[in-house]
Amino acid sequence: MVVKVMVVDDQQVVREGLVALLGLLDDVDVVGSAADGAQALELAGTLDGLDVVLMDLNMPVLTGAEATRRLTREHPDVAVLVLTTYSDDASIAGALAAGAKGYLTKDAGRHEIGAALRAVVAGQLTFGADVSRQVAGALSGAAKPAPRKESLPDGLTAREAEVLGWIAAGKSNGEIAAELFIGETTVKTHINNAFAKIGARNRIEAMRYAVRHGLDHD
């Protein structure tokens, strides 16, 4: 089976390099490329038999995460594999929440990218080694969500608990601000206060806490 791929990256030299790199794989056919998420959405509707979109995250016009969310909704048969320089908790969580089936960083070689492309086409989730360690750390030991209680744990306010729930859903600070109709600075304040109360050092730990205490948005 030949995997039909569209490459999406705003940097021309990277985009062209990826097209050339994937051209070395016998079972991969690059059928299109785009410089941003908006172009990717437009092009996806014109490519017959497209299997996978190899998606960068930080792009102008339309970000990779938002493009992924819309692609997976409008083209459910097309898988998205993220390939980016970012491996922070928020980027990983945001991409997965948007519907990405895999996540690699740009230090991946062509064989690793090829294997990941084949995996997502087969319906499997796939991650680079460094990303796998972070995802495993977030999920290991996660208890079954507890029922909500009248009294919130660890002295959290209702707003802080709500913000933790949106973090668990993979939302960025800006997206949380839009959901709650508050300023992004206010969101940061709630996050800092919540993290101090629950002892979280990063968003992955906050996600684990929210799931464990039933604060996630089901």
C-alpha atoms as a PDB file:
ATOM      1  CA  MET A   1       0.000   0.000   0.000  1.00  0.00           C
ATOM      2  CA  VAL A   2       1.267   3.440  -0.954  1.00  0.00           C
ATOM      3  CA  VAL A   3       0.541   6.135   1.645  1.00  0.00           C
ATOM      4  CA  LYS A   4      -0.585   9.410   0.083  1.00  0.00           C
ATOM      5  CA  VAL A   5       0.697  12.353   2.109  1.00  0.00           C
ATOM      6  CA  MET A   6       0.321  16.128   2.178  1.00  0.00           C
ATOM      7  CA  VAL A   7       3.163  18.081   3.829  1.00  0.00           C
ATOM      8  CA  VAL A   8       2.219  21.263   5.724  1.00  0.00           C
ATOM      9  CA  ASP A   9       4.951  23.608   6.992  1.00  0.00           C
ATOM     10  CA  ASP A  10       5.298  27.374   6.768  1.00  0.00           C
ATOM     11  CA  GLN A  11       9.068  27.274   6.209  1.00  0.00           C
ATOM     12  CA  GLN A  12       9.716  26.658   2.525  1.00  0.00           C
ATOM     13  CA  VAL A  13      13.121  25.042   2.992  1.00  0.00           C
ATOM     14  CA  VAL A  14      11.693  22.624   5.579  1.00  0.00           C
ATOM     15  CA  ARG A  15       8.636  21.881   3.458  1.00  0.00           C
ATOM     16  CA  GLU A  16      10.678  21.176   0.343  1.00  0.00           C
ATOM     17  CA  GLY A  17      13.167  19.149   2.367  1.00  0.00           C
ATOM     18  CA  LEU A  18      10.399  16.964   3.772  1.00  0.00           C
ATOM     19  CA  VAL A  19       8.944  16.406   0.309  1.00  0.00           C
ATOM     20  CA  ALA A  20      12.386  15.322  -0.945  1.00  0.00           C
ATOM     21  CA  LEU A  21      12.990  13.174   2.138  1.00  0.00           C
ATOM     22  CA  LEU A  22       9.668  11.353   1.863  1.00  0.00           C
ATOM     23  CA  GLY A  23      10.314  10.840  -1.838  1.00  0.00           C
ATOM     24  CA  LEU A  24      13.058   8.405  -0.829  1.00  0.00           C
ATOM     25  CA  LEU A  25      10.481   6.046   0.683  1.00  0.00           C
ATOM     26  CA  ASP A  26       9.063   3.528  -1.771  1.00  0.00           C
ATOM     27  CA  ASP A  27       5.648   3.309  -0.120  1.00  0.00           C
ATOM     28  CA  VAL A  28       5.046   7.051   0.364  1.00  0.00           C
ATOM     29  CA  ASP A  29       3.658   9.389  -2.285  1.00  0.00           C
ATOM     30  CA  VAL A  30       3.655  13.123  -1.514  1.00  0.00           C
ATOM     31  CA  VAL A  31       0.570  14.370  -3.346  1.00  0.00           C
ATOM     32  CA  GLY A  32       0.594  17.961  -2.118  1.00  0.00           C
ATOM     33  CA  SER A  33       2.159  20.577   0.150  1.00  0.00           C
ATOM     34  CA  ALA A  34       0.896  23.703   1.892  1.00  0.00           C
ATOM     35  CA  ALA A  35       2.447  26.670   3.700  1.00  0.00           C
ATOM     36  CA  ASP A  36      -0.194  27.049   6.422  1.00  0.00           C
ATOM     37  CA  GLY A  37      -3.278  25.446   7.902  1.00  0.00           C
ATOM     38  CA  ALA A  38      -5.707  27.383   5.708  1.00  0.00           C
ATOM     39  CA  GLN A  39      -3.976  26.218   2.527  1.00  0.00           C
ATOM     40  CA  ALA A  40      -3.973  22.681   3.889  1.00  0.00           C
ATOM     41  CA  LEU A  41      -7.734  22.727   4.416  1.00  0.00           C
ATOM     42  CA  GLU A  42      -8.345  24.078   0.924  1.00  0.00           C
ATOM     43  CA  LEU A  43      -5.996  21.567  -0.699  1.00  0.00           C
ATOM     44  CA  ALA A  44      -7.278  18.566   1.255  1.00  0.00           C
ATOM     45  CA  GLY A  45     -10.626  18.752  -0.515  1.00  0.00           C
ATOM     46  CA  THR A  46      -8.952  18.477  -3.931  1.00  0.00           C
ATOM     47  CA  LEU A  47      -6.595  15.549  -3.314  1.00  0.00           C
ATOM     48  CA  ASP A  48      -8.066  12.194  -4.258  1.00  0.00           C
ATOM     49  CA  GLY A  49      -7.254   9.387  -1.842  1.00  0.00           C
ATOM     50  CA  LEU A  50      -5.297  11.520   0.637  1.00  0.00           C
ATOM     51  CA  ASP A  51      -4.304   9.363   3.624  1.00  0.00           C
ATOM     52  CA  VAL A  52      -2.229  11.521   5.962  1.00  0.00           C
ATOM     53  CA  VAL A  53      -1.437  15.175   6.567  1.00  0.00           C
ATOM     54  CA  LEU A  54       2.037  15.732   8.001  1.00  0.00           C
ATOM     55  CA  MET A  55       1.322  18.859  10.026  1.00  0.00           C
ATOM     56  CA  ASP A  56       3.514  21.542  11.574  1.00  0.00           C
ATOM     57  CA  LEU A  57       2.002  23.390  14.546  1.00  0.00           C
ATOM     58  CA  ASN A  58       3.238  26.984  14.711  1.00  0.00           C
ATOM     59  CA  MET A  59       2.109  28.537  11.426  1.00  0.00           C
ATOM     60  CA  PRO A  60       0.562  31.849  10.324  1.00  0.00           C
ATOM     61  CA  VAL A  61      -3.026  32.310   9.089  1.00  0.00           C
ATOM     62  CA  LEU A  62      -4.270  29.092  10.708  1.00  0.00           C
ATOM     63  CA  THR A  63      -2.314  27.126  13.304  1.00  0.00           C
ATOM     64  CA  GLY A  64      -1.610  23.431  12.976  1.00  0.00           C
ATOM     65  CA  ALA A  65      -3.799  22.590  15.974  1.00  0.00           C
ATOM     66  CA  GLU A  66      -6.830  24.431  14.580  1.00  0.00           C
ATOM     67  CA  ALA A  67      -6.227  23.036  11.095  1.00  0.00           C
ATOM     68  CA  THR A  68      -6.060  19.558  12.625  1.00  0.00           C
ATOM     69  CA  ARG A  69      -9.353  20.098  14.439  1.00  0.00           C
ATOM     70  CA  ARG A  70     -11.085  21.182  11.234  1.00  0.00           C
ATOM     71  CA  LEU A  71      -9.443  18.560   9.031  1.00  0.00           C
ATOM     72  CA  THR A  72     -10.464  15.691  11.269  1.00  0.00           C
ATOM     73  CA  ARG A  73     -14.017  17.025  11.337  1.00  0.00           C
ATOM     74  CA  GLU A  74     -14.332  17.722   7.617  1.00  0.00           C
ATOM     75  CA  HIS A  75     -12.230  14.785   6.377  1.00  0.00           C
ATOM     76  CA  PRO A  76     -12.581  12.007   8.967  1.00  0.00           C
ATOM     77  CA  ASP A  77     -10.818   9.467   6.721  1.00  0.00           C
ATOM     78  CA  VAL A  78      -7.633  11.556   6.685  1.00  0.00           C
ATOM     79  CA  ALA A  79      -5.215  11.105   9.599  1.00  0.00           C
ATOM     80  CA  VAL A  80      -3.040  13.924  10.944  1.00  0.00           C
ATOM     81  CA  LEU A  81       0.544  13.277  12.031  1.00  0.00           C
ATOM     82  CA  VAL A  82       2.173  16.257  13.760  1.00  0.00           C
ATOM     83  CA  LEU A  83       5.816  16.990  12.947  1.00  0.00           C
ATOM     84  CA  THR A  84       7.084  19.997  14.884  1.00  0.00           C
ATOM     85  CA  THR A  85       9.986  21.444  16.821  1.00  0.00           C
ATOM     86  CA  TYR A  86       7.803  21.746  19.942  1.00  0.00           C
ATOM     87  CA  SER A  87       7.631  18.969  22.541  1.00  0.00           C
ATOM     88  CA  ASP A  88       6.174  20.897  25.485  1.00  0.00           C
ATOM     89  CA  ASP A  89       3.186  19.552  27.392  1.00  0.00           C
ATOM     90  CA  ALA A  90       0.717  22.132  26.084  1.00  0.00           C
ATOM     91  CA  SER A  91       1.606  21.543  22.426  1.00  0.00           C
ATOM     92  CA  ILE A  92       1.305  17.767  22.754  1.00  0.00           C
ATOM     93  CA  ALA A  93      -1.965  17.942  24.668  1.00  0.00           C
ATOM     94  CA  GLY A  94      -3.420  20.517  22.284  1.00  0.00           C
ATOM     95  CA  ALA A  95      -2.554  18.494  19.184  1.00  0.00           C
ATOM     96  CA  LEU A  96      -4.013  15.282  20.605  1.00  0.00           C
ATOM     97  CA  ALA A  97      -7.151  17.069  21.769  1.00  0.00           C
ATOM     98  CA  ALA A  98      -7.542  18.460  18.233  1.00  0.00           C
ATOM     99  CA  GLY A  99      -7.524  14.937  16.824  1.00  0.00           C
ATOM    100  CA  ALA A 100      -3.923  14.231  15.780  1.00  0.00           C
ATOM    101  CA  LYS A 101      -3.118  10.511  15.586  1.00  0.00           C
ATOM    102  CA  GLY A 102       0.609  10.913  16.035  1.00  0.00           C
ATOM    103  CA  TYR A 103       3.236  13.368  17.238  1.00  0.00           C
ATOM    104  CA  LEU A 104       6.891  13.550  16.174  1.00  0.00           C
ATOM    105  CA  THR A 105       9.579  16.153  16.639  1.00  0.00           C
ATOM    106  CA  LYS A 106      11.695  17.363  13.747  1.00  0.00           C
ATOM    107  CA  ASP A 107      14.749  15.415  14.801  1.00  0.00           C
ATOM    108  CA  ALA A 108      12.974  12.291  13.503  1.00  0.00           C
ATOM    109  CA  GLY A 109      14.602  10.549  10.529  1.00  0.00           C
ATOM    110  CA  ARG A 110      12.867   9.459   7.351  1.00  0.00           C
ATOM    111  CA  HIS A 111      12.442   5.867   8.488  1.00  0.00           C
ATOM    112  CA  GLU A 112      10.809   6.946  11.754  1.00  0.00           C
ATOM    113  CA  ILE A 113       8.531   9.331   9.855  1.00  0.00           C
ATOM    114  CA  GLY A 114       7.688   6.602   7.360  1.00  0.00           C
ATOM    115  CA  ALA A 115       6.846   4.134  10.135  1.00  0.00           C
ATOM    116  CA  ALA A 116       4.662   6.746  11.841  1.00  0.00           C
ATOM    117  CA  LEU A 117       2.817   7.491   8.599  1.00  0.00           C
ATOM    118  CA  ARG A 118       2.051   3.792   8.126  1.00  0.00           C
ATOM    119  CA  ALA A 119       0.953   3.490  11.759  1.00  0.00           C
ATOM    120  CA  VAL A 120      -1.563   6.325  11.669  1.00  0.00           C
ATOM    121  CA  VAL A 121      -3.006   5.054   8.380  1.00  0.00           C
ATOM    122  CA  ALA A 122      -3.541   1.721  10.162  1.00  0.00           C
ATOM    123  CA  GLY A 123      -5.467   3.547  12.879  1.00  0.00           C
ATOM    124  CA  GLN A 124      -2.732   3.419  15.510  1.00  0.00           C
ATOM    125  CA  LEU A 125      -1.597   6.243  17.769  1.00  0.00           C
ATOM    126  CA  THR A 126       2.125   6.847  17.403  1.00  0.00           C
ATOM    127  CA  PHE A 127       4.642   9.102  19.150  1.00  0.00           C
ATOM    128  CA  GLY A 128       8.331   9.864  18.939  1.00  0.00           C
ATOM    129  CA  ALA A 129      10.438   8.436  21.761  1.00  0.00           C
ATOM    130  CA  ASP A 130      10.695  11.719  23.685  1.00  0.00           C
ATOM    131  CA  VAL A 131       6.983  12.430  23.290  1.00  0.00           C
ATOM    132  CA  SER A 132       6.108   8.875  24.357  1.00  0.00           C
ATOM    133  CA  ARG A 133       7.888   9.400  27.671  1.00  0.00           C
ATOM    134  CA  GLN A 134       5.859  12.538  28.368  1.00  0.00           C
ATOM    135  CA  VAL A 135       2.544  10.937  27.392  1.00  0.00           C
ATOM    136  CA  ALA A 136       3.330   7.853  29.469  1.00  0.00           C
ATOM    137  CA  GLY A 137       4.182  10.043  32.435  1.00  0.00           C
ATOM    138  CA  ALA A 138       0.861  11.816  32.103  1.00  0.00           C
ATOM    139  CA  LEU A 139      -1.161   8.632  31.884  1.00  0.00           C
ATOM    140  CA  SER A 140       0.667   6.268  34.212  1.00  0.00           C
ATOM    141  CA  GLY A 141      -1.063   5.769  37.488  1.00  0.00           C
ATOM    142  CA  ALA A 142      -4.053   7.877  36.506  1.00  0.00           C
ATOM    143  CA  ALA A 143      -6.906   6.747  38.678  1.00  0.00           C
ATOM    144  CA  LYS A 144     -10.488   6.364  37.571  1.00  0.00           C
ATOM    145  CA  PRO A 145     -12.165   9.786  37.685  1.00  0.00           C
ATOM    146  CA  ALA A 146     -13.779  10.377  41.037  1.00  0.00           C
ATOM    147  CA  PRO A 147     -17.309  11.768  41.245  1.00  0.00           C
ATOM    148  CA  ARG A 148     -17.599  15.502  41.691  1.00  0.00           C
ATOM    149  CA  LYS A 149     -17.976  16.642  45.276  1.00  0.00           C
ATOM    150  CA  GLU A 150     -19.720  19.648  46.722  1.00  0.00           C
ATOM    151  CA  SER A 151     -16.416  20.630  48.315  1.00  0.00           C
ATOM    152  CA  LEU A 152     -13.593  21.026  45.779  1.00  0.00           C
ATOM    153  CA  PRO A 153     -10.238  19.402  46.642  1.00  0.00           C
ATOM    154  CA  ASP A 154      -7.177  21.245  47.941  1.00  0.00           C
ATOM    155  CA  GLY A 155      -9.018  24.518  48.471  1.00  0.00           C
ATOM    156  CA  LEU A 156      -9.586  25.125  44.748  1.00  0.00           C
ATOM    157  CA  THR A 157     -12.122  27.747  43.800  1.00  0.00           C
ATOM    158  CA  ALA A 158     -14.822  26.856  41.275  1.00  0.00           C
ATOM    159  CA  ARG A 159     -13.069  28.950  38.632  1.00  0.00           C
ATOM    160  CA  GLU A 160      -9.681  27.325  39.286  1.00  0.00           C
ATOM    161  CA  ALA A 161     -11.279  23.890  39.017  1.00  0.00           C
ATOM    162  CA  GLU A 162     -12.926  24.911  35.751  1.00  0.00           C
ATOM    163  CA  VAL A 163      -9.602  26.127  34.342  1.00  0.00           C
ATOM    164  CA  LEU A 164      -7.947  22.812  35.298  1.00  0.00           C
ATOM    165  CA  GLY A 165     -10.734  21.034  33.454  1.00  0.00           C
ATOM    166  CA  TRP A 166     -10.009  22.982  30.289  1.00  0.00           C
ATOM    167  CA  ILE A 167      -6.283  22.258  30.652  1.00  0.00           C
ATOM    168  CA  ALA A 168      -7.181  18.554  30.772  1.00  0.00           C
ATOM    169  CA  ALA A 169      -9.105  19.086  27.520  1.00  0.00           C
ATOM    170  CA  GLY A 170      -5.911  20.365  25.886  1.00  0.00           C
ATOM    171  CA  LYS A 171      -6.933  24.016  25.660  1.00  0.00           C
ATOM    172  CA  SER A 172      -4.320  26.775  25.451  1.00  0.00           C
ATOM    173  CA  ASN A 173      -4.513  29.824  27.717  1.00  0.00           C
ATOM    174  CA  GLY A 174      -6.038  31.833  24.893  1.00  0.00           C
ATOM    175  CA  GLU A 175      -8.648  29.171  24.187  1.00  0.00           C
ATOM    176  CA  ILE A 176      -9.542  28.958  27.899  1.00  0.00           C
ATOM    177  CA  ALA A 177      -9.944  32.731  28.011  1.00  0.00           C
ATOM    178  CA  ALA A 178     -12.338  32.537  25.052  1.00  0.00           C
ATOM    179  CA  GLU A 179     -14.324  29.707  26.660  1.00  0.00           C
ATOM    180  CA  LEU A 180     -14.741  31.600  29.941  1.00  0.00           C
ATOM    181  CA  PHE A 181     -15.035  35.121  28.480  1.00  0.00           C
ATOM    182  CA  ILE A 182     -12.175  36.396  30.624  1.00  0.00           C
ATOM    183  CA  GLY A 183      -8.763  37.853  29.865  1.00  0.00           C
ATOM    184  CA  GLU A 184      -5.726  35.676  29.201  1.00  0.00           C
ATOM    185  CA  THR A 185      -3.891  37.388  32.087  1.00  0.00           C
ATOM    186  CA  THR A 186      -6.726  36.332  34.398  1.00  0.00           C
ATOM    187  CA  VAL A 187      -6.430  32.767  33.101  1.00  0.00           C
ATOM    188  CA  LYS A 188      -2.702  32.779  33.915  1.00  0.00           C
ATOM    189  CA  THR A 189      -3.484  33.977  37.437  1.00  0.00           C
ATOM    190  CA  HIS A 190      -6.004  31.158  37.963  1.00  0.00           C
ATOM    191  CA  ILE A 191      -3.489  28.630  36.609  1.00  0.00           C
ATOM    192  CA  ASN A 192      -0.693  29.865  38.871  1.00  0.00           C
ATOM    193  CA  ASN A 193      -2.982  29.754  41.917  1.00  0.00           C
ATOM    194  CA  ALA A 194      -4.324  26.306  41.028  1.00  0.00           C
ATOM    195  CA  PHE A 195      -0.857  24.873  40.344  1.00  0.00           C
ATOM    196  CA  ALA A 196       0.355  26.166  43.725  1.00  0.00           C
ATOM    197  CA  LYS A 197      -2.590  24.549  45.530  1.00  0.00           C
ATOM    198  CA  ILE A 198      -2.319  21.134  43.837  1.00  0.00           C
ATOM    199  CA  GLY A 199       1.478  21.035  43.620  1.00  0.00           C
ATOM    200  CA  ALA A 200       1.558  20.749  39.819  1.00  0.00           C
ATOM    201  CA  ARG A 201       4.799  21.692  38.072  1.00  0.00           C
ATOM    202  CA  ASN A 202       3.461  21.592  34.514  1.00  0.00           C
ATOM    203  CA  ARG A 203       0.316  21.100  32.429  1.00  0.00           C
ATOM    204  CA  ILE A 204       0.732  17.327  32.158  1.00  0.00           C
ATOM    205  CA  GLU A 205       0.652  16.998  35.957  1.00  0.00           C
ATOM    206  CA  ALA A 206      -2.363  19.322  36.034  1.00  0.00           C
ATOM    207  CA  MET A 207      -4.107  17.114  33.454  1.00  0.00           C
ATOM    208  CA  ARG A 208      -3.489  14.036  35.594  1.00  0.00           C
ATOM    209  CA  TYR A 209      -4.863  15.826  38.641  1.00  0.00           C
ATOM    210  CA  ALA A 210      -7.986  17.020  36.819  1.00  0.00           C
ATOM    211  CA  VAL A 211      -8.770  13.518  35.539  1.00  0.00           C
ATOM    212  CA  ARG A 212      -8.085  11.906  38.913  1.00  0.00           C
ATOM    213  CA  HIS A 213     -10.435  14.302  40.693  1.00  0.00           C
ATOM    214  CA  GLY A 214     -13.173  14.305  38.072  1.00  0.00           C
ATOM    215  CA  LEU A 215     -12.600  17.925  37.060  1.00  0.00           C
ATOM    216  CA  ASP A 216     -12.133  17.181  33.353  1.00  0.00           C
ATOM    217  CA  HIS A 217     -14.829  18.291  30.913  1.00  0.00           C
ATOM    218  CA  ASP A 218     -16.468  15.000  29.818  1.00  0.00           C
END
